[in-house]
Amino acid sequence: MAEQKKLKITLVRSTIAAVPKNKTIIKSMGFHKTGSSVILPDNAATRGQIRLIAPYVKVEELD
């Protein structure tokens, strides 16, 4: 079984003025405060969420 790639996603912007839908996505991904990071699998669902909240996050690929 091939090892699945991972993404390290860091919240770099405050969500105070964010649209409620984006706030929900950010919370569901596991972020708690600005500067926090989560490691999630690199799949279509994660990429779709990242596309919606792109202005708020920084994404790095892990091996």
PDB file of N, CA and C in Angstrom:
ATOM      1  N   MET A   1       0.833  -1.179   0.000  1.00  0.00           N
ATOM      2  CA  MET A   1       0.000   0.000   0.000  1.00  0.00           C
ATOM      3  C   MET A   1       0.879   1.244   0.000  1.00  0.00           C
ATOM      4  N   ALA A   2       0.639   2.137  -0.935  1.00  0.00           N
ATOM      5  CA  ALA A   2       1.434   3.349  -1.054  1.00  0.00           C
ATOM      6  C   ALA A   2       1.078   4.326   0.068  1.00  0.00           C
ATOM      7  N   GLU A   3       2.099   5.015   0.530  1.00  0.00           N
ATOM      8  CA  GLU A   3       1.880   5.996   1.590  1.00  0.00           C
ATOM      9  C   GLU A   3       1.232   7.239   0.992  1.00  0.00           C
ATOM     10  N   GLN A   4       0.166   7.703   1.613  1.00  0.00           N
ATOM     11  CA  GLN A   4      -0.553   8.865   1.108  1.00  0.00           C
ATOM     12  C   GLN A   4       0.165  10.143   1.531  1.00  0.00           C
ATOM     13  N   LYS A   5       0.226  11.107   0.624  1.00  0.00           N
ATOM     14  CA  LYS A   5       0.865  12.373   0.938  1.00  0.00           C
ATOM     15  C   LYS A   5       0.034  13.135   1.955  1.00  0.00           C
ATOM     16  N   LYS A   6       0.706  14.003   2.691  1.00  0.00           N
ATOM     17  CA  LYS A   6       0.052  14.815   3.713  1.00  0.00           C
ATOM     18  C   LYS A   6       0.278  16.285   3.411  1.00  0.00           C
ATOM     19  N   LEU A   7      -0.602  17.112   3.914  1.00  0.00           N
ATOM     20  CA  LEU A   7      -0.494  18.557   3.787  1.00  0.00           C
ATOM     21  C   LEU A   7      -0.421  19.175   5.174  1.00  0.00           C
ATOM     22  N   LYS A   8       0.518  20.081   5.369  1.00  0.00           N
ATOM     23  CA  LYS A   8       0.580  20.849   6.611  1.00  0.00           C
ATOM     24  C   LYS A   8      -0.050  22.200   6.300  1.00  0.00           C
ATOM     25  N   ILE A   9      -1.156  22.492   6.965  1.00  0.00           N
ATOM     26  CA  ILE A   9      -1.918  23.706   6.703  1.00  0.00           C
ATOM     27  C   ILE A   9      -1.838  24.591   7.944  1.00  0.00           C
ATOM     28  N   THR A  10      -1.434  25.842   7.754  1.00  0.00           N
ATOM     29  CA  THR A  10      -1.274  26.787   8.856  1.00  0.00           C
ATOM     30  C   THR A  10      -2.232  27.953   8.662  1.00  0.00           C
ATOM     31  N   LEU A  11      -2.969  28.283   9.717  1.00  0.00           N
ATOM     32  CA  LEU A  11      -3.887  29.423   9.696  1.00  0.00           C
ATOM     33  C   LEU A  11      -3.064  30.688   9.909  1.00  0.00           C
ATOM     34  N   VAL A  12      -3.038  31.579   8.913  1.00  0.00           N
ATOM     35  CA  VAL A  12      -2.191  32.773   8.992  1.00  0.00           C
ATOM     36  C   VAL A  12      -2.973  34.071   9.107  1.00  0.00           C
ATOM     37  N   ARG A  13      -4.295  33.994   9.003  1.00  0.00           N
ATOM     38  CA  ARG A  13      -5.125  35.192   9.066  1.00  0.00           C
ATOM     39  C   ARG A  13      -6.287  34.978  10.015  1.00  0.00           C
ATOM     40  N   SER A  14      -6.688  36.027  10.695  1.00  0.00           N
ATOM     41  CA  SER A  14      -7.816  35.959  11.608  1.00  0.00           C
ATOM     42  C   SER A  14      -9.115  35.716  10.854  1.00  0.00           C
ATOM     43  N   THR A  15     -10.035  35.017  11.506  1.00  0.00           N
ATOM     44  CA  THR A  15     -11.327  34.723  10.887  1.00  0.00           C
ATOM     45  C   THR A  15     -12.443  35.635  11.403  1.00  0.00           C
ATOM     46  N   ILE A  16     -12.084  36.724  12.042  1.00  0.00           N
ATOM     47  CA  ILE A  16     -13.089  37.624  12.621  1.00  0.00           C
ATOM     48  C   ILE A  16     -14.064  38.143  11.566  1.00  0.00           C
ATOM     49  N   ALA A  17     -13.542  38.588  10.422  1.00  0.00           N
ATOM     50  CA  ALA A  17     -14.405  39.163   9.384  1.00  0.00           C
ATOM     51  C   ALA A  17     -14.753  38.144   8.296  1.00  0.00           C
ATOM     52  N   ALA A  18     -14.509  36.870   8.545  1.00  0.00           N
ATOM     53  CA  ALA A  18     -14.758  35.836   7.530  1.00  0.00           C
ATOM     54  C   ALA A  18     -16.253  35.552   7.392  1.00  0.00           C
ATOM     55  N   VAL A  19     -16.602  35.052   6.221  1.00  0.00           N
ATOM     56  CA  VAL A  19     -17.973  34.613   5.961  1.00  0.00           C
ATOM     57  C   VAL A  19     -18.267  33.423   6.885  1.00  0.00           C
ATOM     58  N   PRO A  20     -19.479  33.301   7.426  1.00  0.00           N
ATOM     59  CA  PRO A  20     -19.787  32.192   8.338  1.00  0.00           C
ATOM     60  C   PRO A  20     -19.464  30.802   7.771  1.00  0.00           C
ATOM     61  N   LYS A  21     -19.672  30.596   6.475  1.00  0.00           N
ATOM     62  CA  LYS A  21     -19.342  29.304   5.859  1.00  0.00           C
ATOM     63  C   LYS A  21     -17.846  29.017   5.978  1.00  0.00           C
ATOM     64  N   ASN A  22     -17.012  30.024   5.740  1.00  0.00           N
ATOM     65  CA  ASN A  22     -15.569  29.843   5.852  1.00  0.00           C
ATOM     66  C   ASN A  22     -15.146  29.599   7.290  1.00  0.00           C
ATOM     67  N   LYS A  23     -15.791  30.278   8.245  1.00  0.00           N
ATOM     68  CA  LYS A  23     -15.489  30.043   9.654  1.00  0.00           C
ATOM     69  C   LYS A  23     -15.776  28.595  10.035  1.00  0.00           C
ATOM     70  N   THR A  24     -16.878  28.062   9.527  1.00  0.00           N
ATOM     71  CA  THR A  24     -17.245  26.673   9.804  1.00  0.00           C
ATOM     72  C   THR A  24     -16.228  25.706   9.220  1.00  0.00           C
ATOM     73  N   ILE A  25     -15.785  25.969   8.004  1.00  0.00           N
ATOM     74  CA  ILE A  25     -14.782  25.106   7.366  1.00  0.00           C
ATOM     75  C   ILE A  25     -13.487  25.121   8.166  1.00  0.00           C
ATOM     76  N   ILE A  26     -13.052  26.302   8.573  1.00  0.00           N
ATOM     77  CA  ILE A  26     -11.809  26.430   9.330  1.00  0.00           C
ATOM     78  C   ILE A  26     -11.904  25.691  10.655  1.00  0.00           C
ATOM     79  N   LYS A  27     -13.025  25.819  11.343  1.00  0.00           N
ATOM     80  CA  LYS A  27     -13.209  25.127  12.619  1.00  0.00           C
ATOM     81  C   LYS A  27     -13.251  23.608  12.424  1.00  0.00           C
ATOM     82  N   SER A  28     -13.910  23.151  11.353  1.00  0.00           N
ATOM     83  CA  SER A  28     -14.034  21.714  11.116  1.00  0.00           C
ATOM     84  C   SER A  28     -12.701  21.083  10.725  1.00  0.00           C
ATOM     85  N   MET A  29     -11.783  21.875  10.195  1.00  0.00           N
ATOM     86  CA  MET A  29     -10.467  21.349   9.829  1.00  0.00           C
ATOM     87  C   MET A  29      -9.569  21.190  11.053  1.00  0.00           C
ATOM     88  N   GLY A  30      -9.962  21.770  12.174  1.00  0.00           N
ATOM     89  CA  GLY A  30      -9.213  21.577  13.413  1.00  0.00           C
ATOM     90  C   GLY A  30      -8.400  22.763  13.872  1.00  0.00           C
ATOM     91  N   PHE A  31      -8.586  23.920  13.279  1.00  0.00           N
ATOM     92  CA  PHE A  31      -7.850  25.107  13.707  1.00  0.00           C
ATOM     93  C   PHE A  31      -8.499  25.695  14.945  1.00  0.00           C
ATOM     94  N   HIS A  32      -7.663  26.228  15.855  1.00  0.00           N
ATOM     95  CA  HIS A  32      -8.170  26.841  17.072  1.00  0.00           C
ATOM     96  C   HIS A  32      -7.865  28.331  17.144  1.00  0.00           C
ATOM     97  N   LYS A  33      -6.684  28.728  16.679  1.00  0.00           N
ATOM     98  CA  LYS A  33      -6.322  30.139  16.700  1.00  0.00           C
ATOM     99  C   LYS A  33      -5.313  30.421  15.589  1.00  0.00           C
ATOM    100  N   THR A  34      -5.078  31.677  15.325  1.00  0.00           N
ATOM    101  CA  THR A  34      -4.134  32.087  14.297  1.00  0.00           C
ATOM    102  C   THR A  34      -2.746  31.547  14.623  1.00  0.00           C
ATOM    103  N   GLY A  35      -2.085  30.993  13.638  1.00  0.00           N
ATOM    104  CA  GLY A  35      -0.756  30.423  13.833  1.00  0.00           C
ATOM    105  C   GLY A  35      -0.771  28.932  14.082  1.00  0.00           C
ATOM    106  N   SER A  36      -1.944  28.351  14.321  1.00  0.00           N
ATOM    107  CA  SER A  36      -2.011  26.911  14.562  1.00  0.00           C
ATOM    108  C   SER A  36      -1.928  26.155  13.238  1.00  0.00           C
ATOM    109  N   SER A  37      -1.419  24.920  13.298  1.00  0.00           N
ATOM    110  CA  SER A  37      -1.245  24.086  12.114  1.00  0.00           C
ATOM    111  C   SER A  37      -1.930  22.751  12.310  1.00  0.00           C
ATOM    112  N   VAL A  38      -2.385  22.186  11.205  1.00  0.00           N
ATOM    113  CA  VAL A  38      -2.945  20.838  11.203  1.00  0.00           C
ATOM    114  C   VAL A  38      -2.325  20.073  10.040  1.00  0.00           C
ATOM    115  N   ILE A  39      -2.231  18.758  10.197  1.00  0.00           N
ATOM    116  CA  ILE A  39      -1.735  17.898   9.132  1.00  0.00           C
ATOM    117  C   ILE A  39      -2.888  17.026   8.680  1.00  0.00           C
ATOM    118  N   LEU A  40      -3.236  17.150   7.398  1.00  0.00           N
ATOM    119  CA  LEU A  40      -4.374  16.432   6.840  1.00  0.00           C
ATOM    120  C   LEU A  40      -3.933  15.680   5.587  1.00  0.00           C
ATOM    121  N   PRO A  41      -4.666  14.631   5.210  1.00  0.00           N
ATOM    122  CA  PRO A  41      -4.315  13.886   3.995  1.00  0.00           C
ATOM    123  C   PRO A  41      -4.545  14.736   2.748  1.00  0.00           C
ATOM    124  N   ASP A  42      -3.721  14.488   1.740  1.00  0.00           N
ATOM    125  CA  ASP A  42      -3.843  15.211   0.473  1.00  0.00           C
ATOM    126  C   ASP A  42      -4.837  14.476  -0.413  1.00  0.00           C
ATOM    127  N   ASN A  43      -6.110  14.881  -0.342  1.00  0.00           N
ATOM    128  CA  ASN A  43      -7.138  14.268  -1.182  1.00  0.00           C
ATOM    129  C   ASN A  43      -8.058  15.364  -1.727  1.00  0.00           C
ATOM    130  N   ALA A  44      -9.017  14.960  -2.538  1.00  0.00           N
ATOM    131  CA  ALA A  44      -9.893  15.925  -3.198  1.00  0.00           C
ATOM    132  C   ALA A  44     -10.715  16.742  -2.201  1.00  0.00           C
ATOM    133  N   ALA A  45     -11.186  16.118  -1.140  1.00  0.00           N
ATOM    134  CA  ALA A  45     -12.000  16.825  -0.149  1.00  0.00           C
ATOM    135  C   ALA A  45     -11.186  17.917   0.549  1.00  0.00           C
ATOM    136  N   THR A  46      -9.968  17.588   0.958  1.00  0.00           N
ATOM    137  CA  THR A  46      -9.115  18.562   1.630  1.00  0.00           C
ATOM    138  C   THR A  46      -8.747  19.696   0.683  1.00  0.00           C
ATOM    139  N   ARG A  47      -8.422  19.358  -0.557  1.00  0.00           N
ATOM    140  CA  ARG A  47      -8.072  20.382  -1.548  1.00  0.00           C
ATOM    141  C   ARG A  47      -9.252  21.329  -1.812  1.00  0.00           C
ATOM    142  N   GLY A  48     -10.460  20.796  -1.814  1.00  0.00           N
ATOM    143  CA  GLY A  48     -11.638  21.626  -2.010  1.00  0.00           C
ATOM    144  C   GLY A  48     -11.847  22.597  -0.873  1.00  0.00           C
ATOM    145  N   GLN A  49     -11.625  22.128   0.358  1.00  0.00           N
ATOM    146  CA  GLN A  49     -11.749  23.016   1.516  1.00  0.00           C
ATOM    147  C   GLN A  49     -10.679  24.094   1.474  1.00  0.00           C
ATOM    148  N   ILE A  50      -9.456  23.715   1.110  1.00  0.00           N
ATOM    149  CA  ILE A  50      -8.355  24.680   1.038  1.00  0.00           C
ATOM    150  C   ILE A  50      -8.664  25.750  -0.005  1.00  0.00           C
ATOM    151  N   ARG A  51      -9.262  25.351  -1.127  1.00  0.00           N
ATOM    152  CA  ARG A  51      -9.595  26.300  -2.182  1.00  0.00           C
ATOM    153  C   ARG A  51     -10.553  27.380  -1.668  1.00  0.00           C
ATOM    154  N   LEU A  52     -11.482  26.990  -0.808  1.00  0.00           N
ATOM    155  CA  LEU A  52     -12.459  27.947  -0.284  1.00  0.00           C
ATOM    156  C   LEU A  52     -11.872  28.888   0.760  1.00  0.00           C
ATOM    157  N   ILE A  53     -10.895  28.432   1.521  1.00  0.00           N
ATOM    158  CA  ILE A  53     -10.328  29.253   2.597  1.00  0.00           C
ATOM    159  C   ILE A  53      -8.898  29.697   2.286  1.00  0.00           C
ATOM    160  N   ALA A  54      -8.517  29.704   1.018  1.00  0.00           N
ATOM    161  CA  ALA A  54      -7.148  30.032   0.601  1.00  0.00           C
ATOM    162  C   ALA A  54      -6.601  31.348   1.167  1.00  0.00           C
ATOM    163  N   PRO A  55      -7.389  32.412   1.275  1.00  0.00           N
ATOM    164  CA  PRO A  55      -6.818  33.660   1.809  1.00  0.00           C
ATOM    165  C   PRO A  55      -6.411  33.572   3.283  1.00  0.00           C
ATOM    166  N   TYR A  56      -6.877  32.575   3.973  1.00  0.00           N
ATOM    167  CA  TYR A  56      -6.625  32.470   5.415  1.00  0.00           C
ATOM    168  C   TYR A  56      -5.528  31.487   5.789  1.00  0.00           C
ATOM    169  N   VAL A  57      -5.039  30.668   4.833  1.00  0.00           N
ATOM    170  CA  VAL A  57      -4.115  29.604   5.171  1.00  0.00           C
ATOM    171  C   VAL A  57      -2.871  29.595   4.290  1.00  0.00           C
ATOM    172  N   LYS A  58      -1.842  28.910   4.812  1.00  0.00           N
ATOM    173  CA  LYS A  58      -0.615  28.637   4.069  1.00  0.00           C
ATOM    174  C   LYS A  58      -0.495  27.113   4.015  1.00  0.00           C
ATOM    175  N   VAL A  59      -0.201  26.559   2.851  1.00  0.00           N
ATOM    176  CA  VAL A  59      -0.178  25.109   2.664  1.00  0.00           C
ATOM    177  C   VAL A  59       1.218  24.650   2.277  1.00  0.00           C
ATOM    178  N   GLU A  60       1.690  23.566   2.929  1.00  0.00           N
ATOM    179  CA  GLU A  60       2.975  22.950   2.607  1.00  0.00           C
ATOM    180  C   GLU A  60       2.739  21.462   2.394  1.00  0.00           C
ATOM    181  N   GLU A  61       3.401  20.883   1.404  1.00  0.00           N
ATOM    182  CA  GLU A  61       3.301  19.448   1.175  1.00  0.00           C
ATOM    183  C   GLU A  61       4.374  18.732   1.989  1.00  0.00           C
ATOM    184  N   LEU A  62       4.003  17.650   2.656  1.00  0.00           N
ATOM    185  CA  LEU A  62       4.931  16.826   3.412  1.00  0.00           C
ATOM    186  C   LEU A  62       5.157  15.526   2.667  1.00  0.00           C
ATOM    187  N   ASP A  63       6.339  14.957   2.823  1.00  0.00           N
ATOM    188  CA  ASP A  63       6.632  13.665   2.176  1.00  0.00           C
ATOM    189  C   ASP A  63       6.281  12.504   3.047  1.00  0.00           C
TER     190      ASP A  63
END
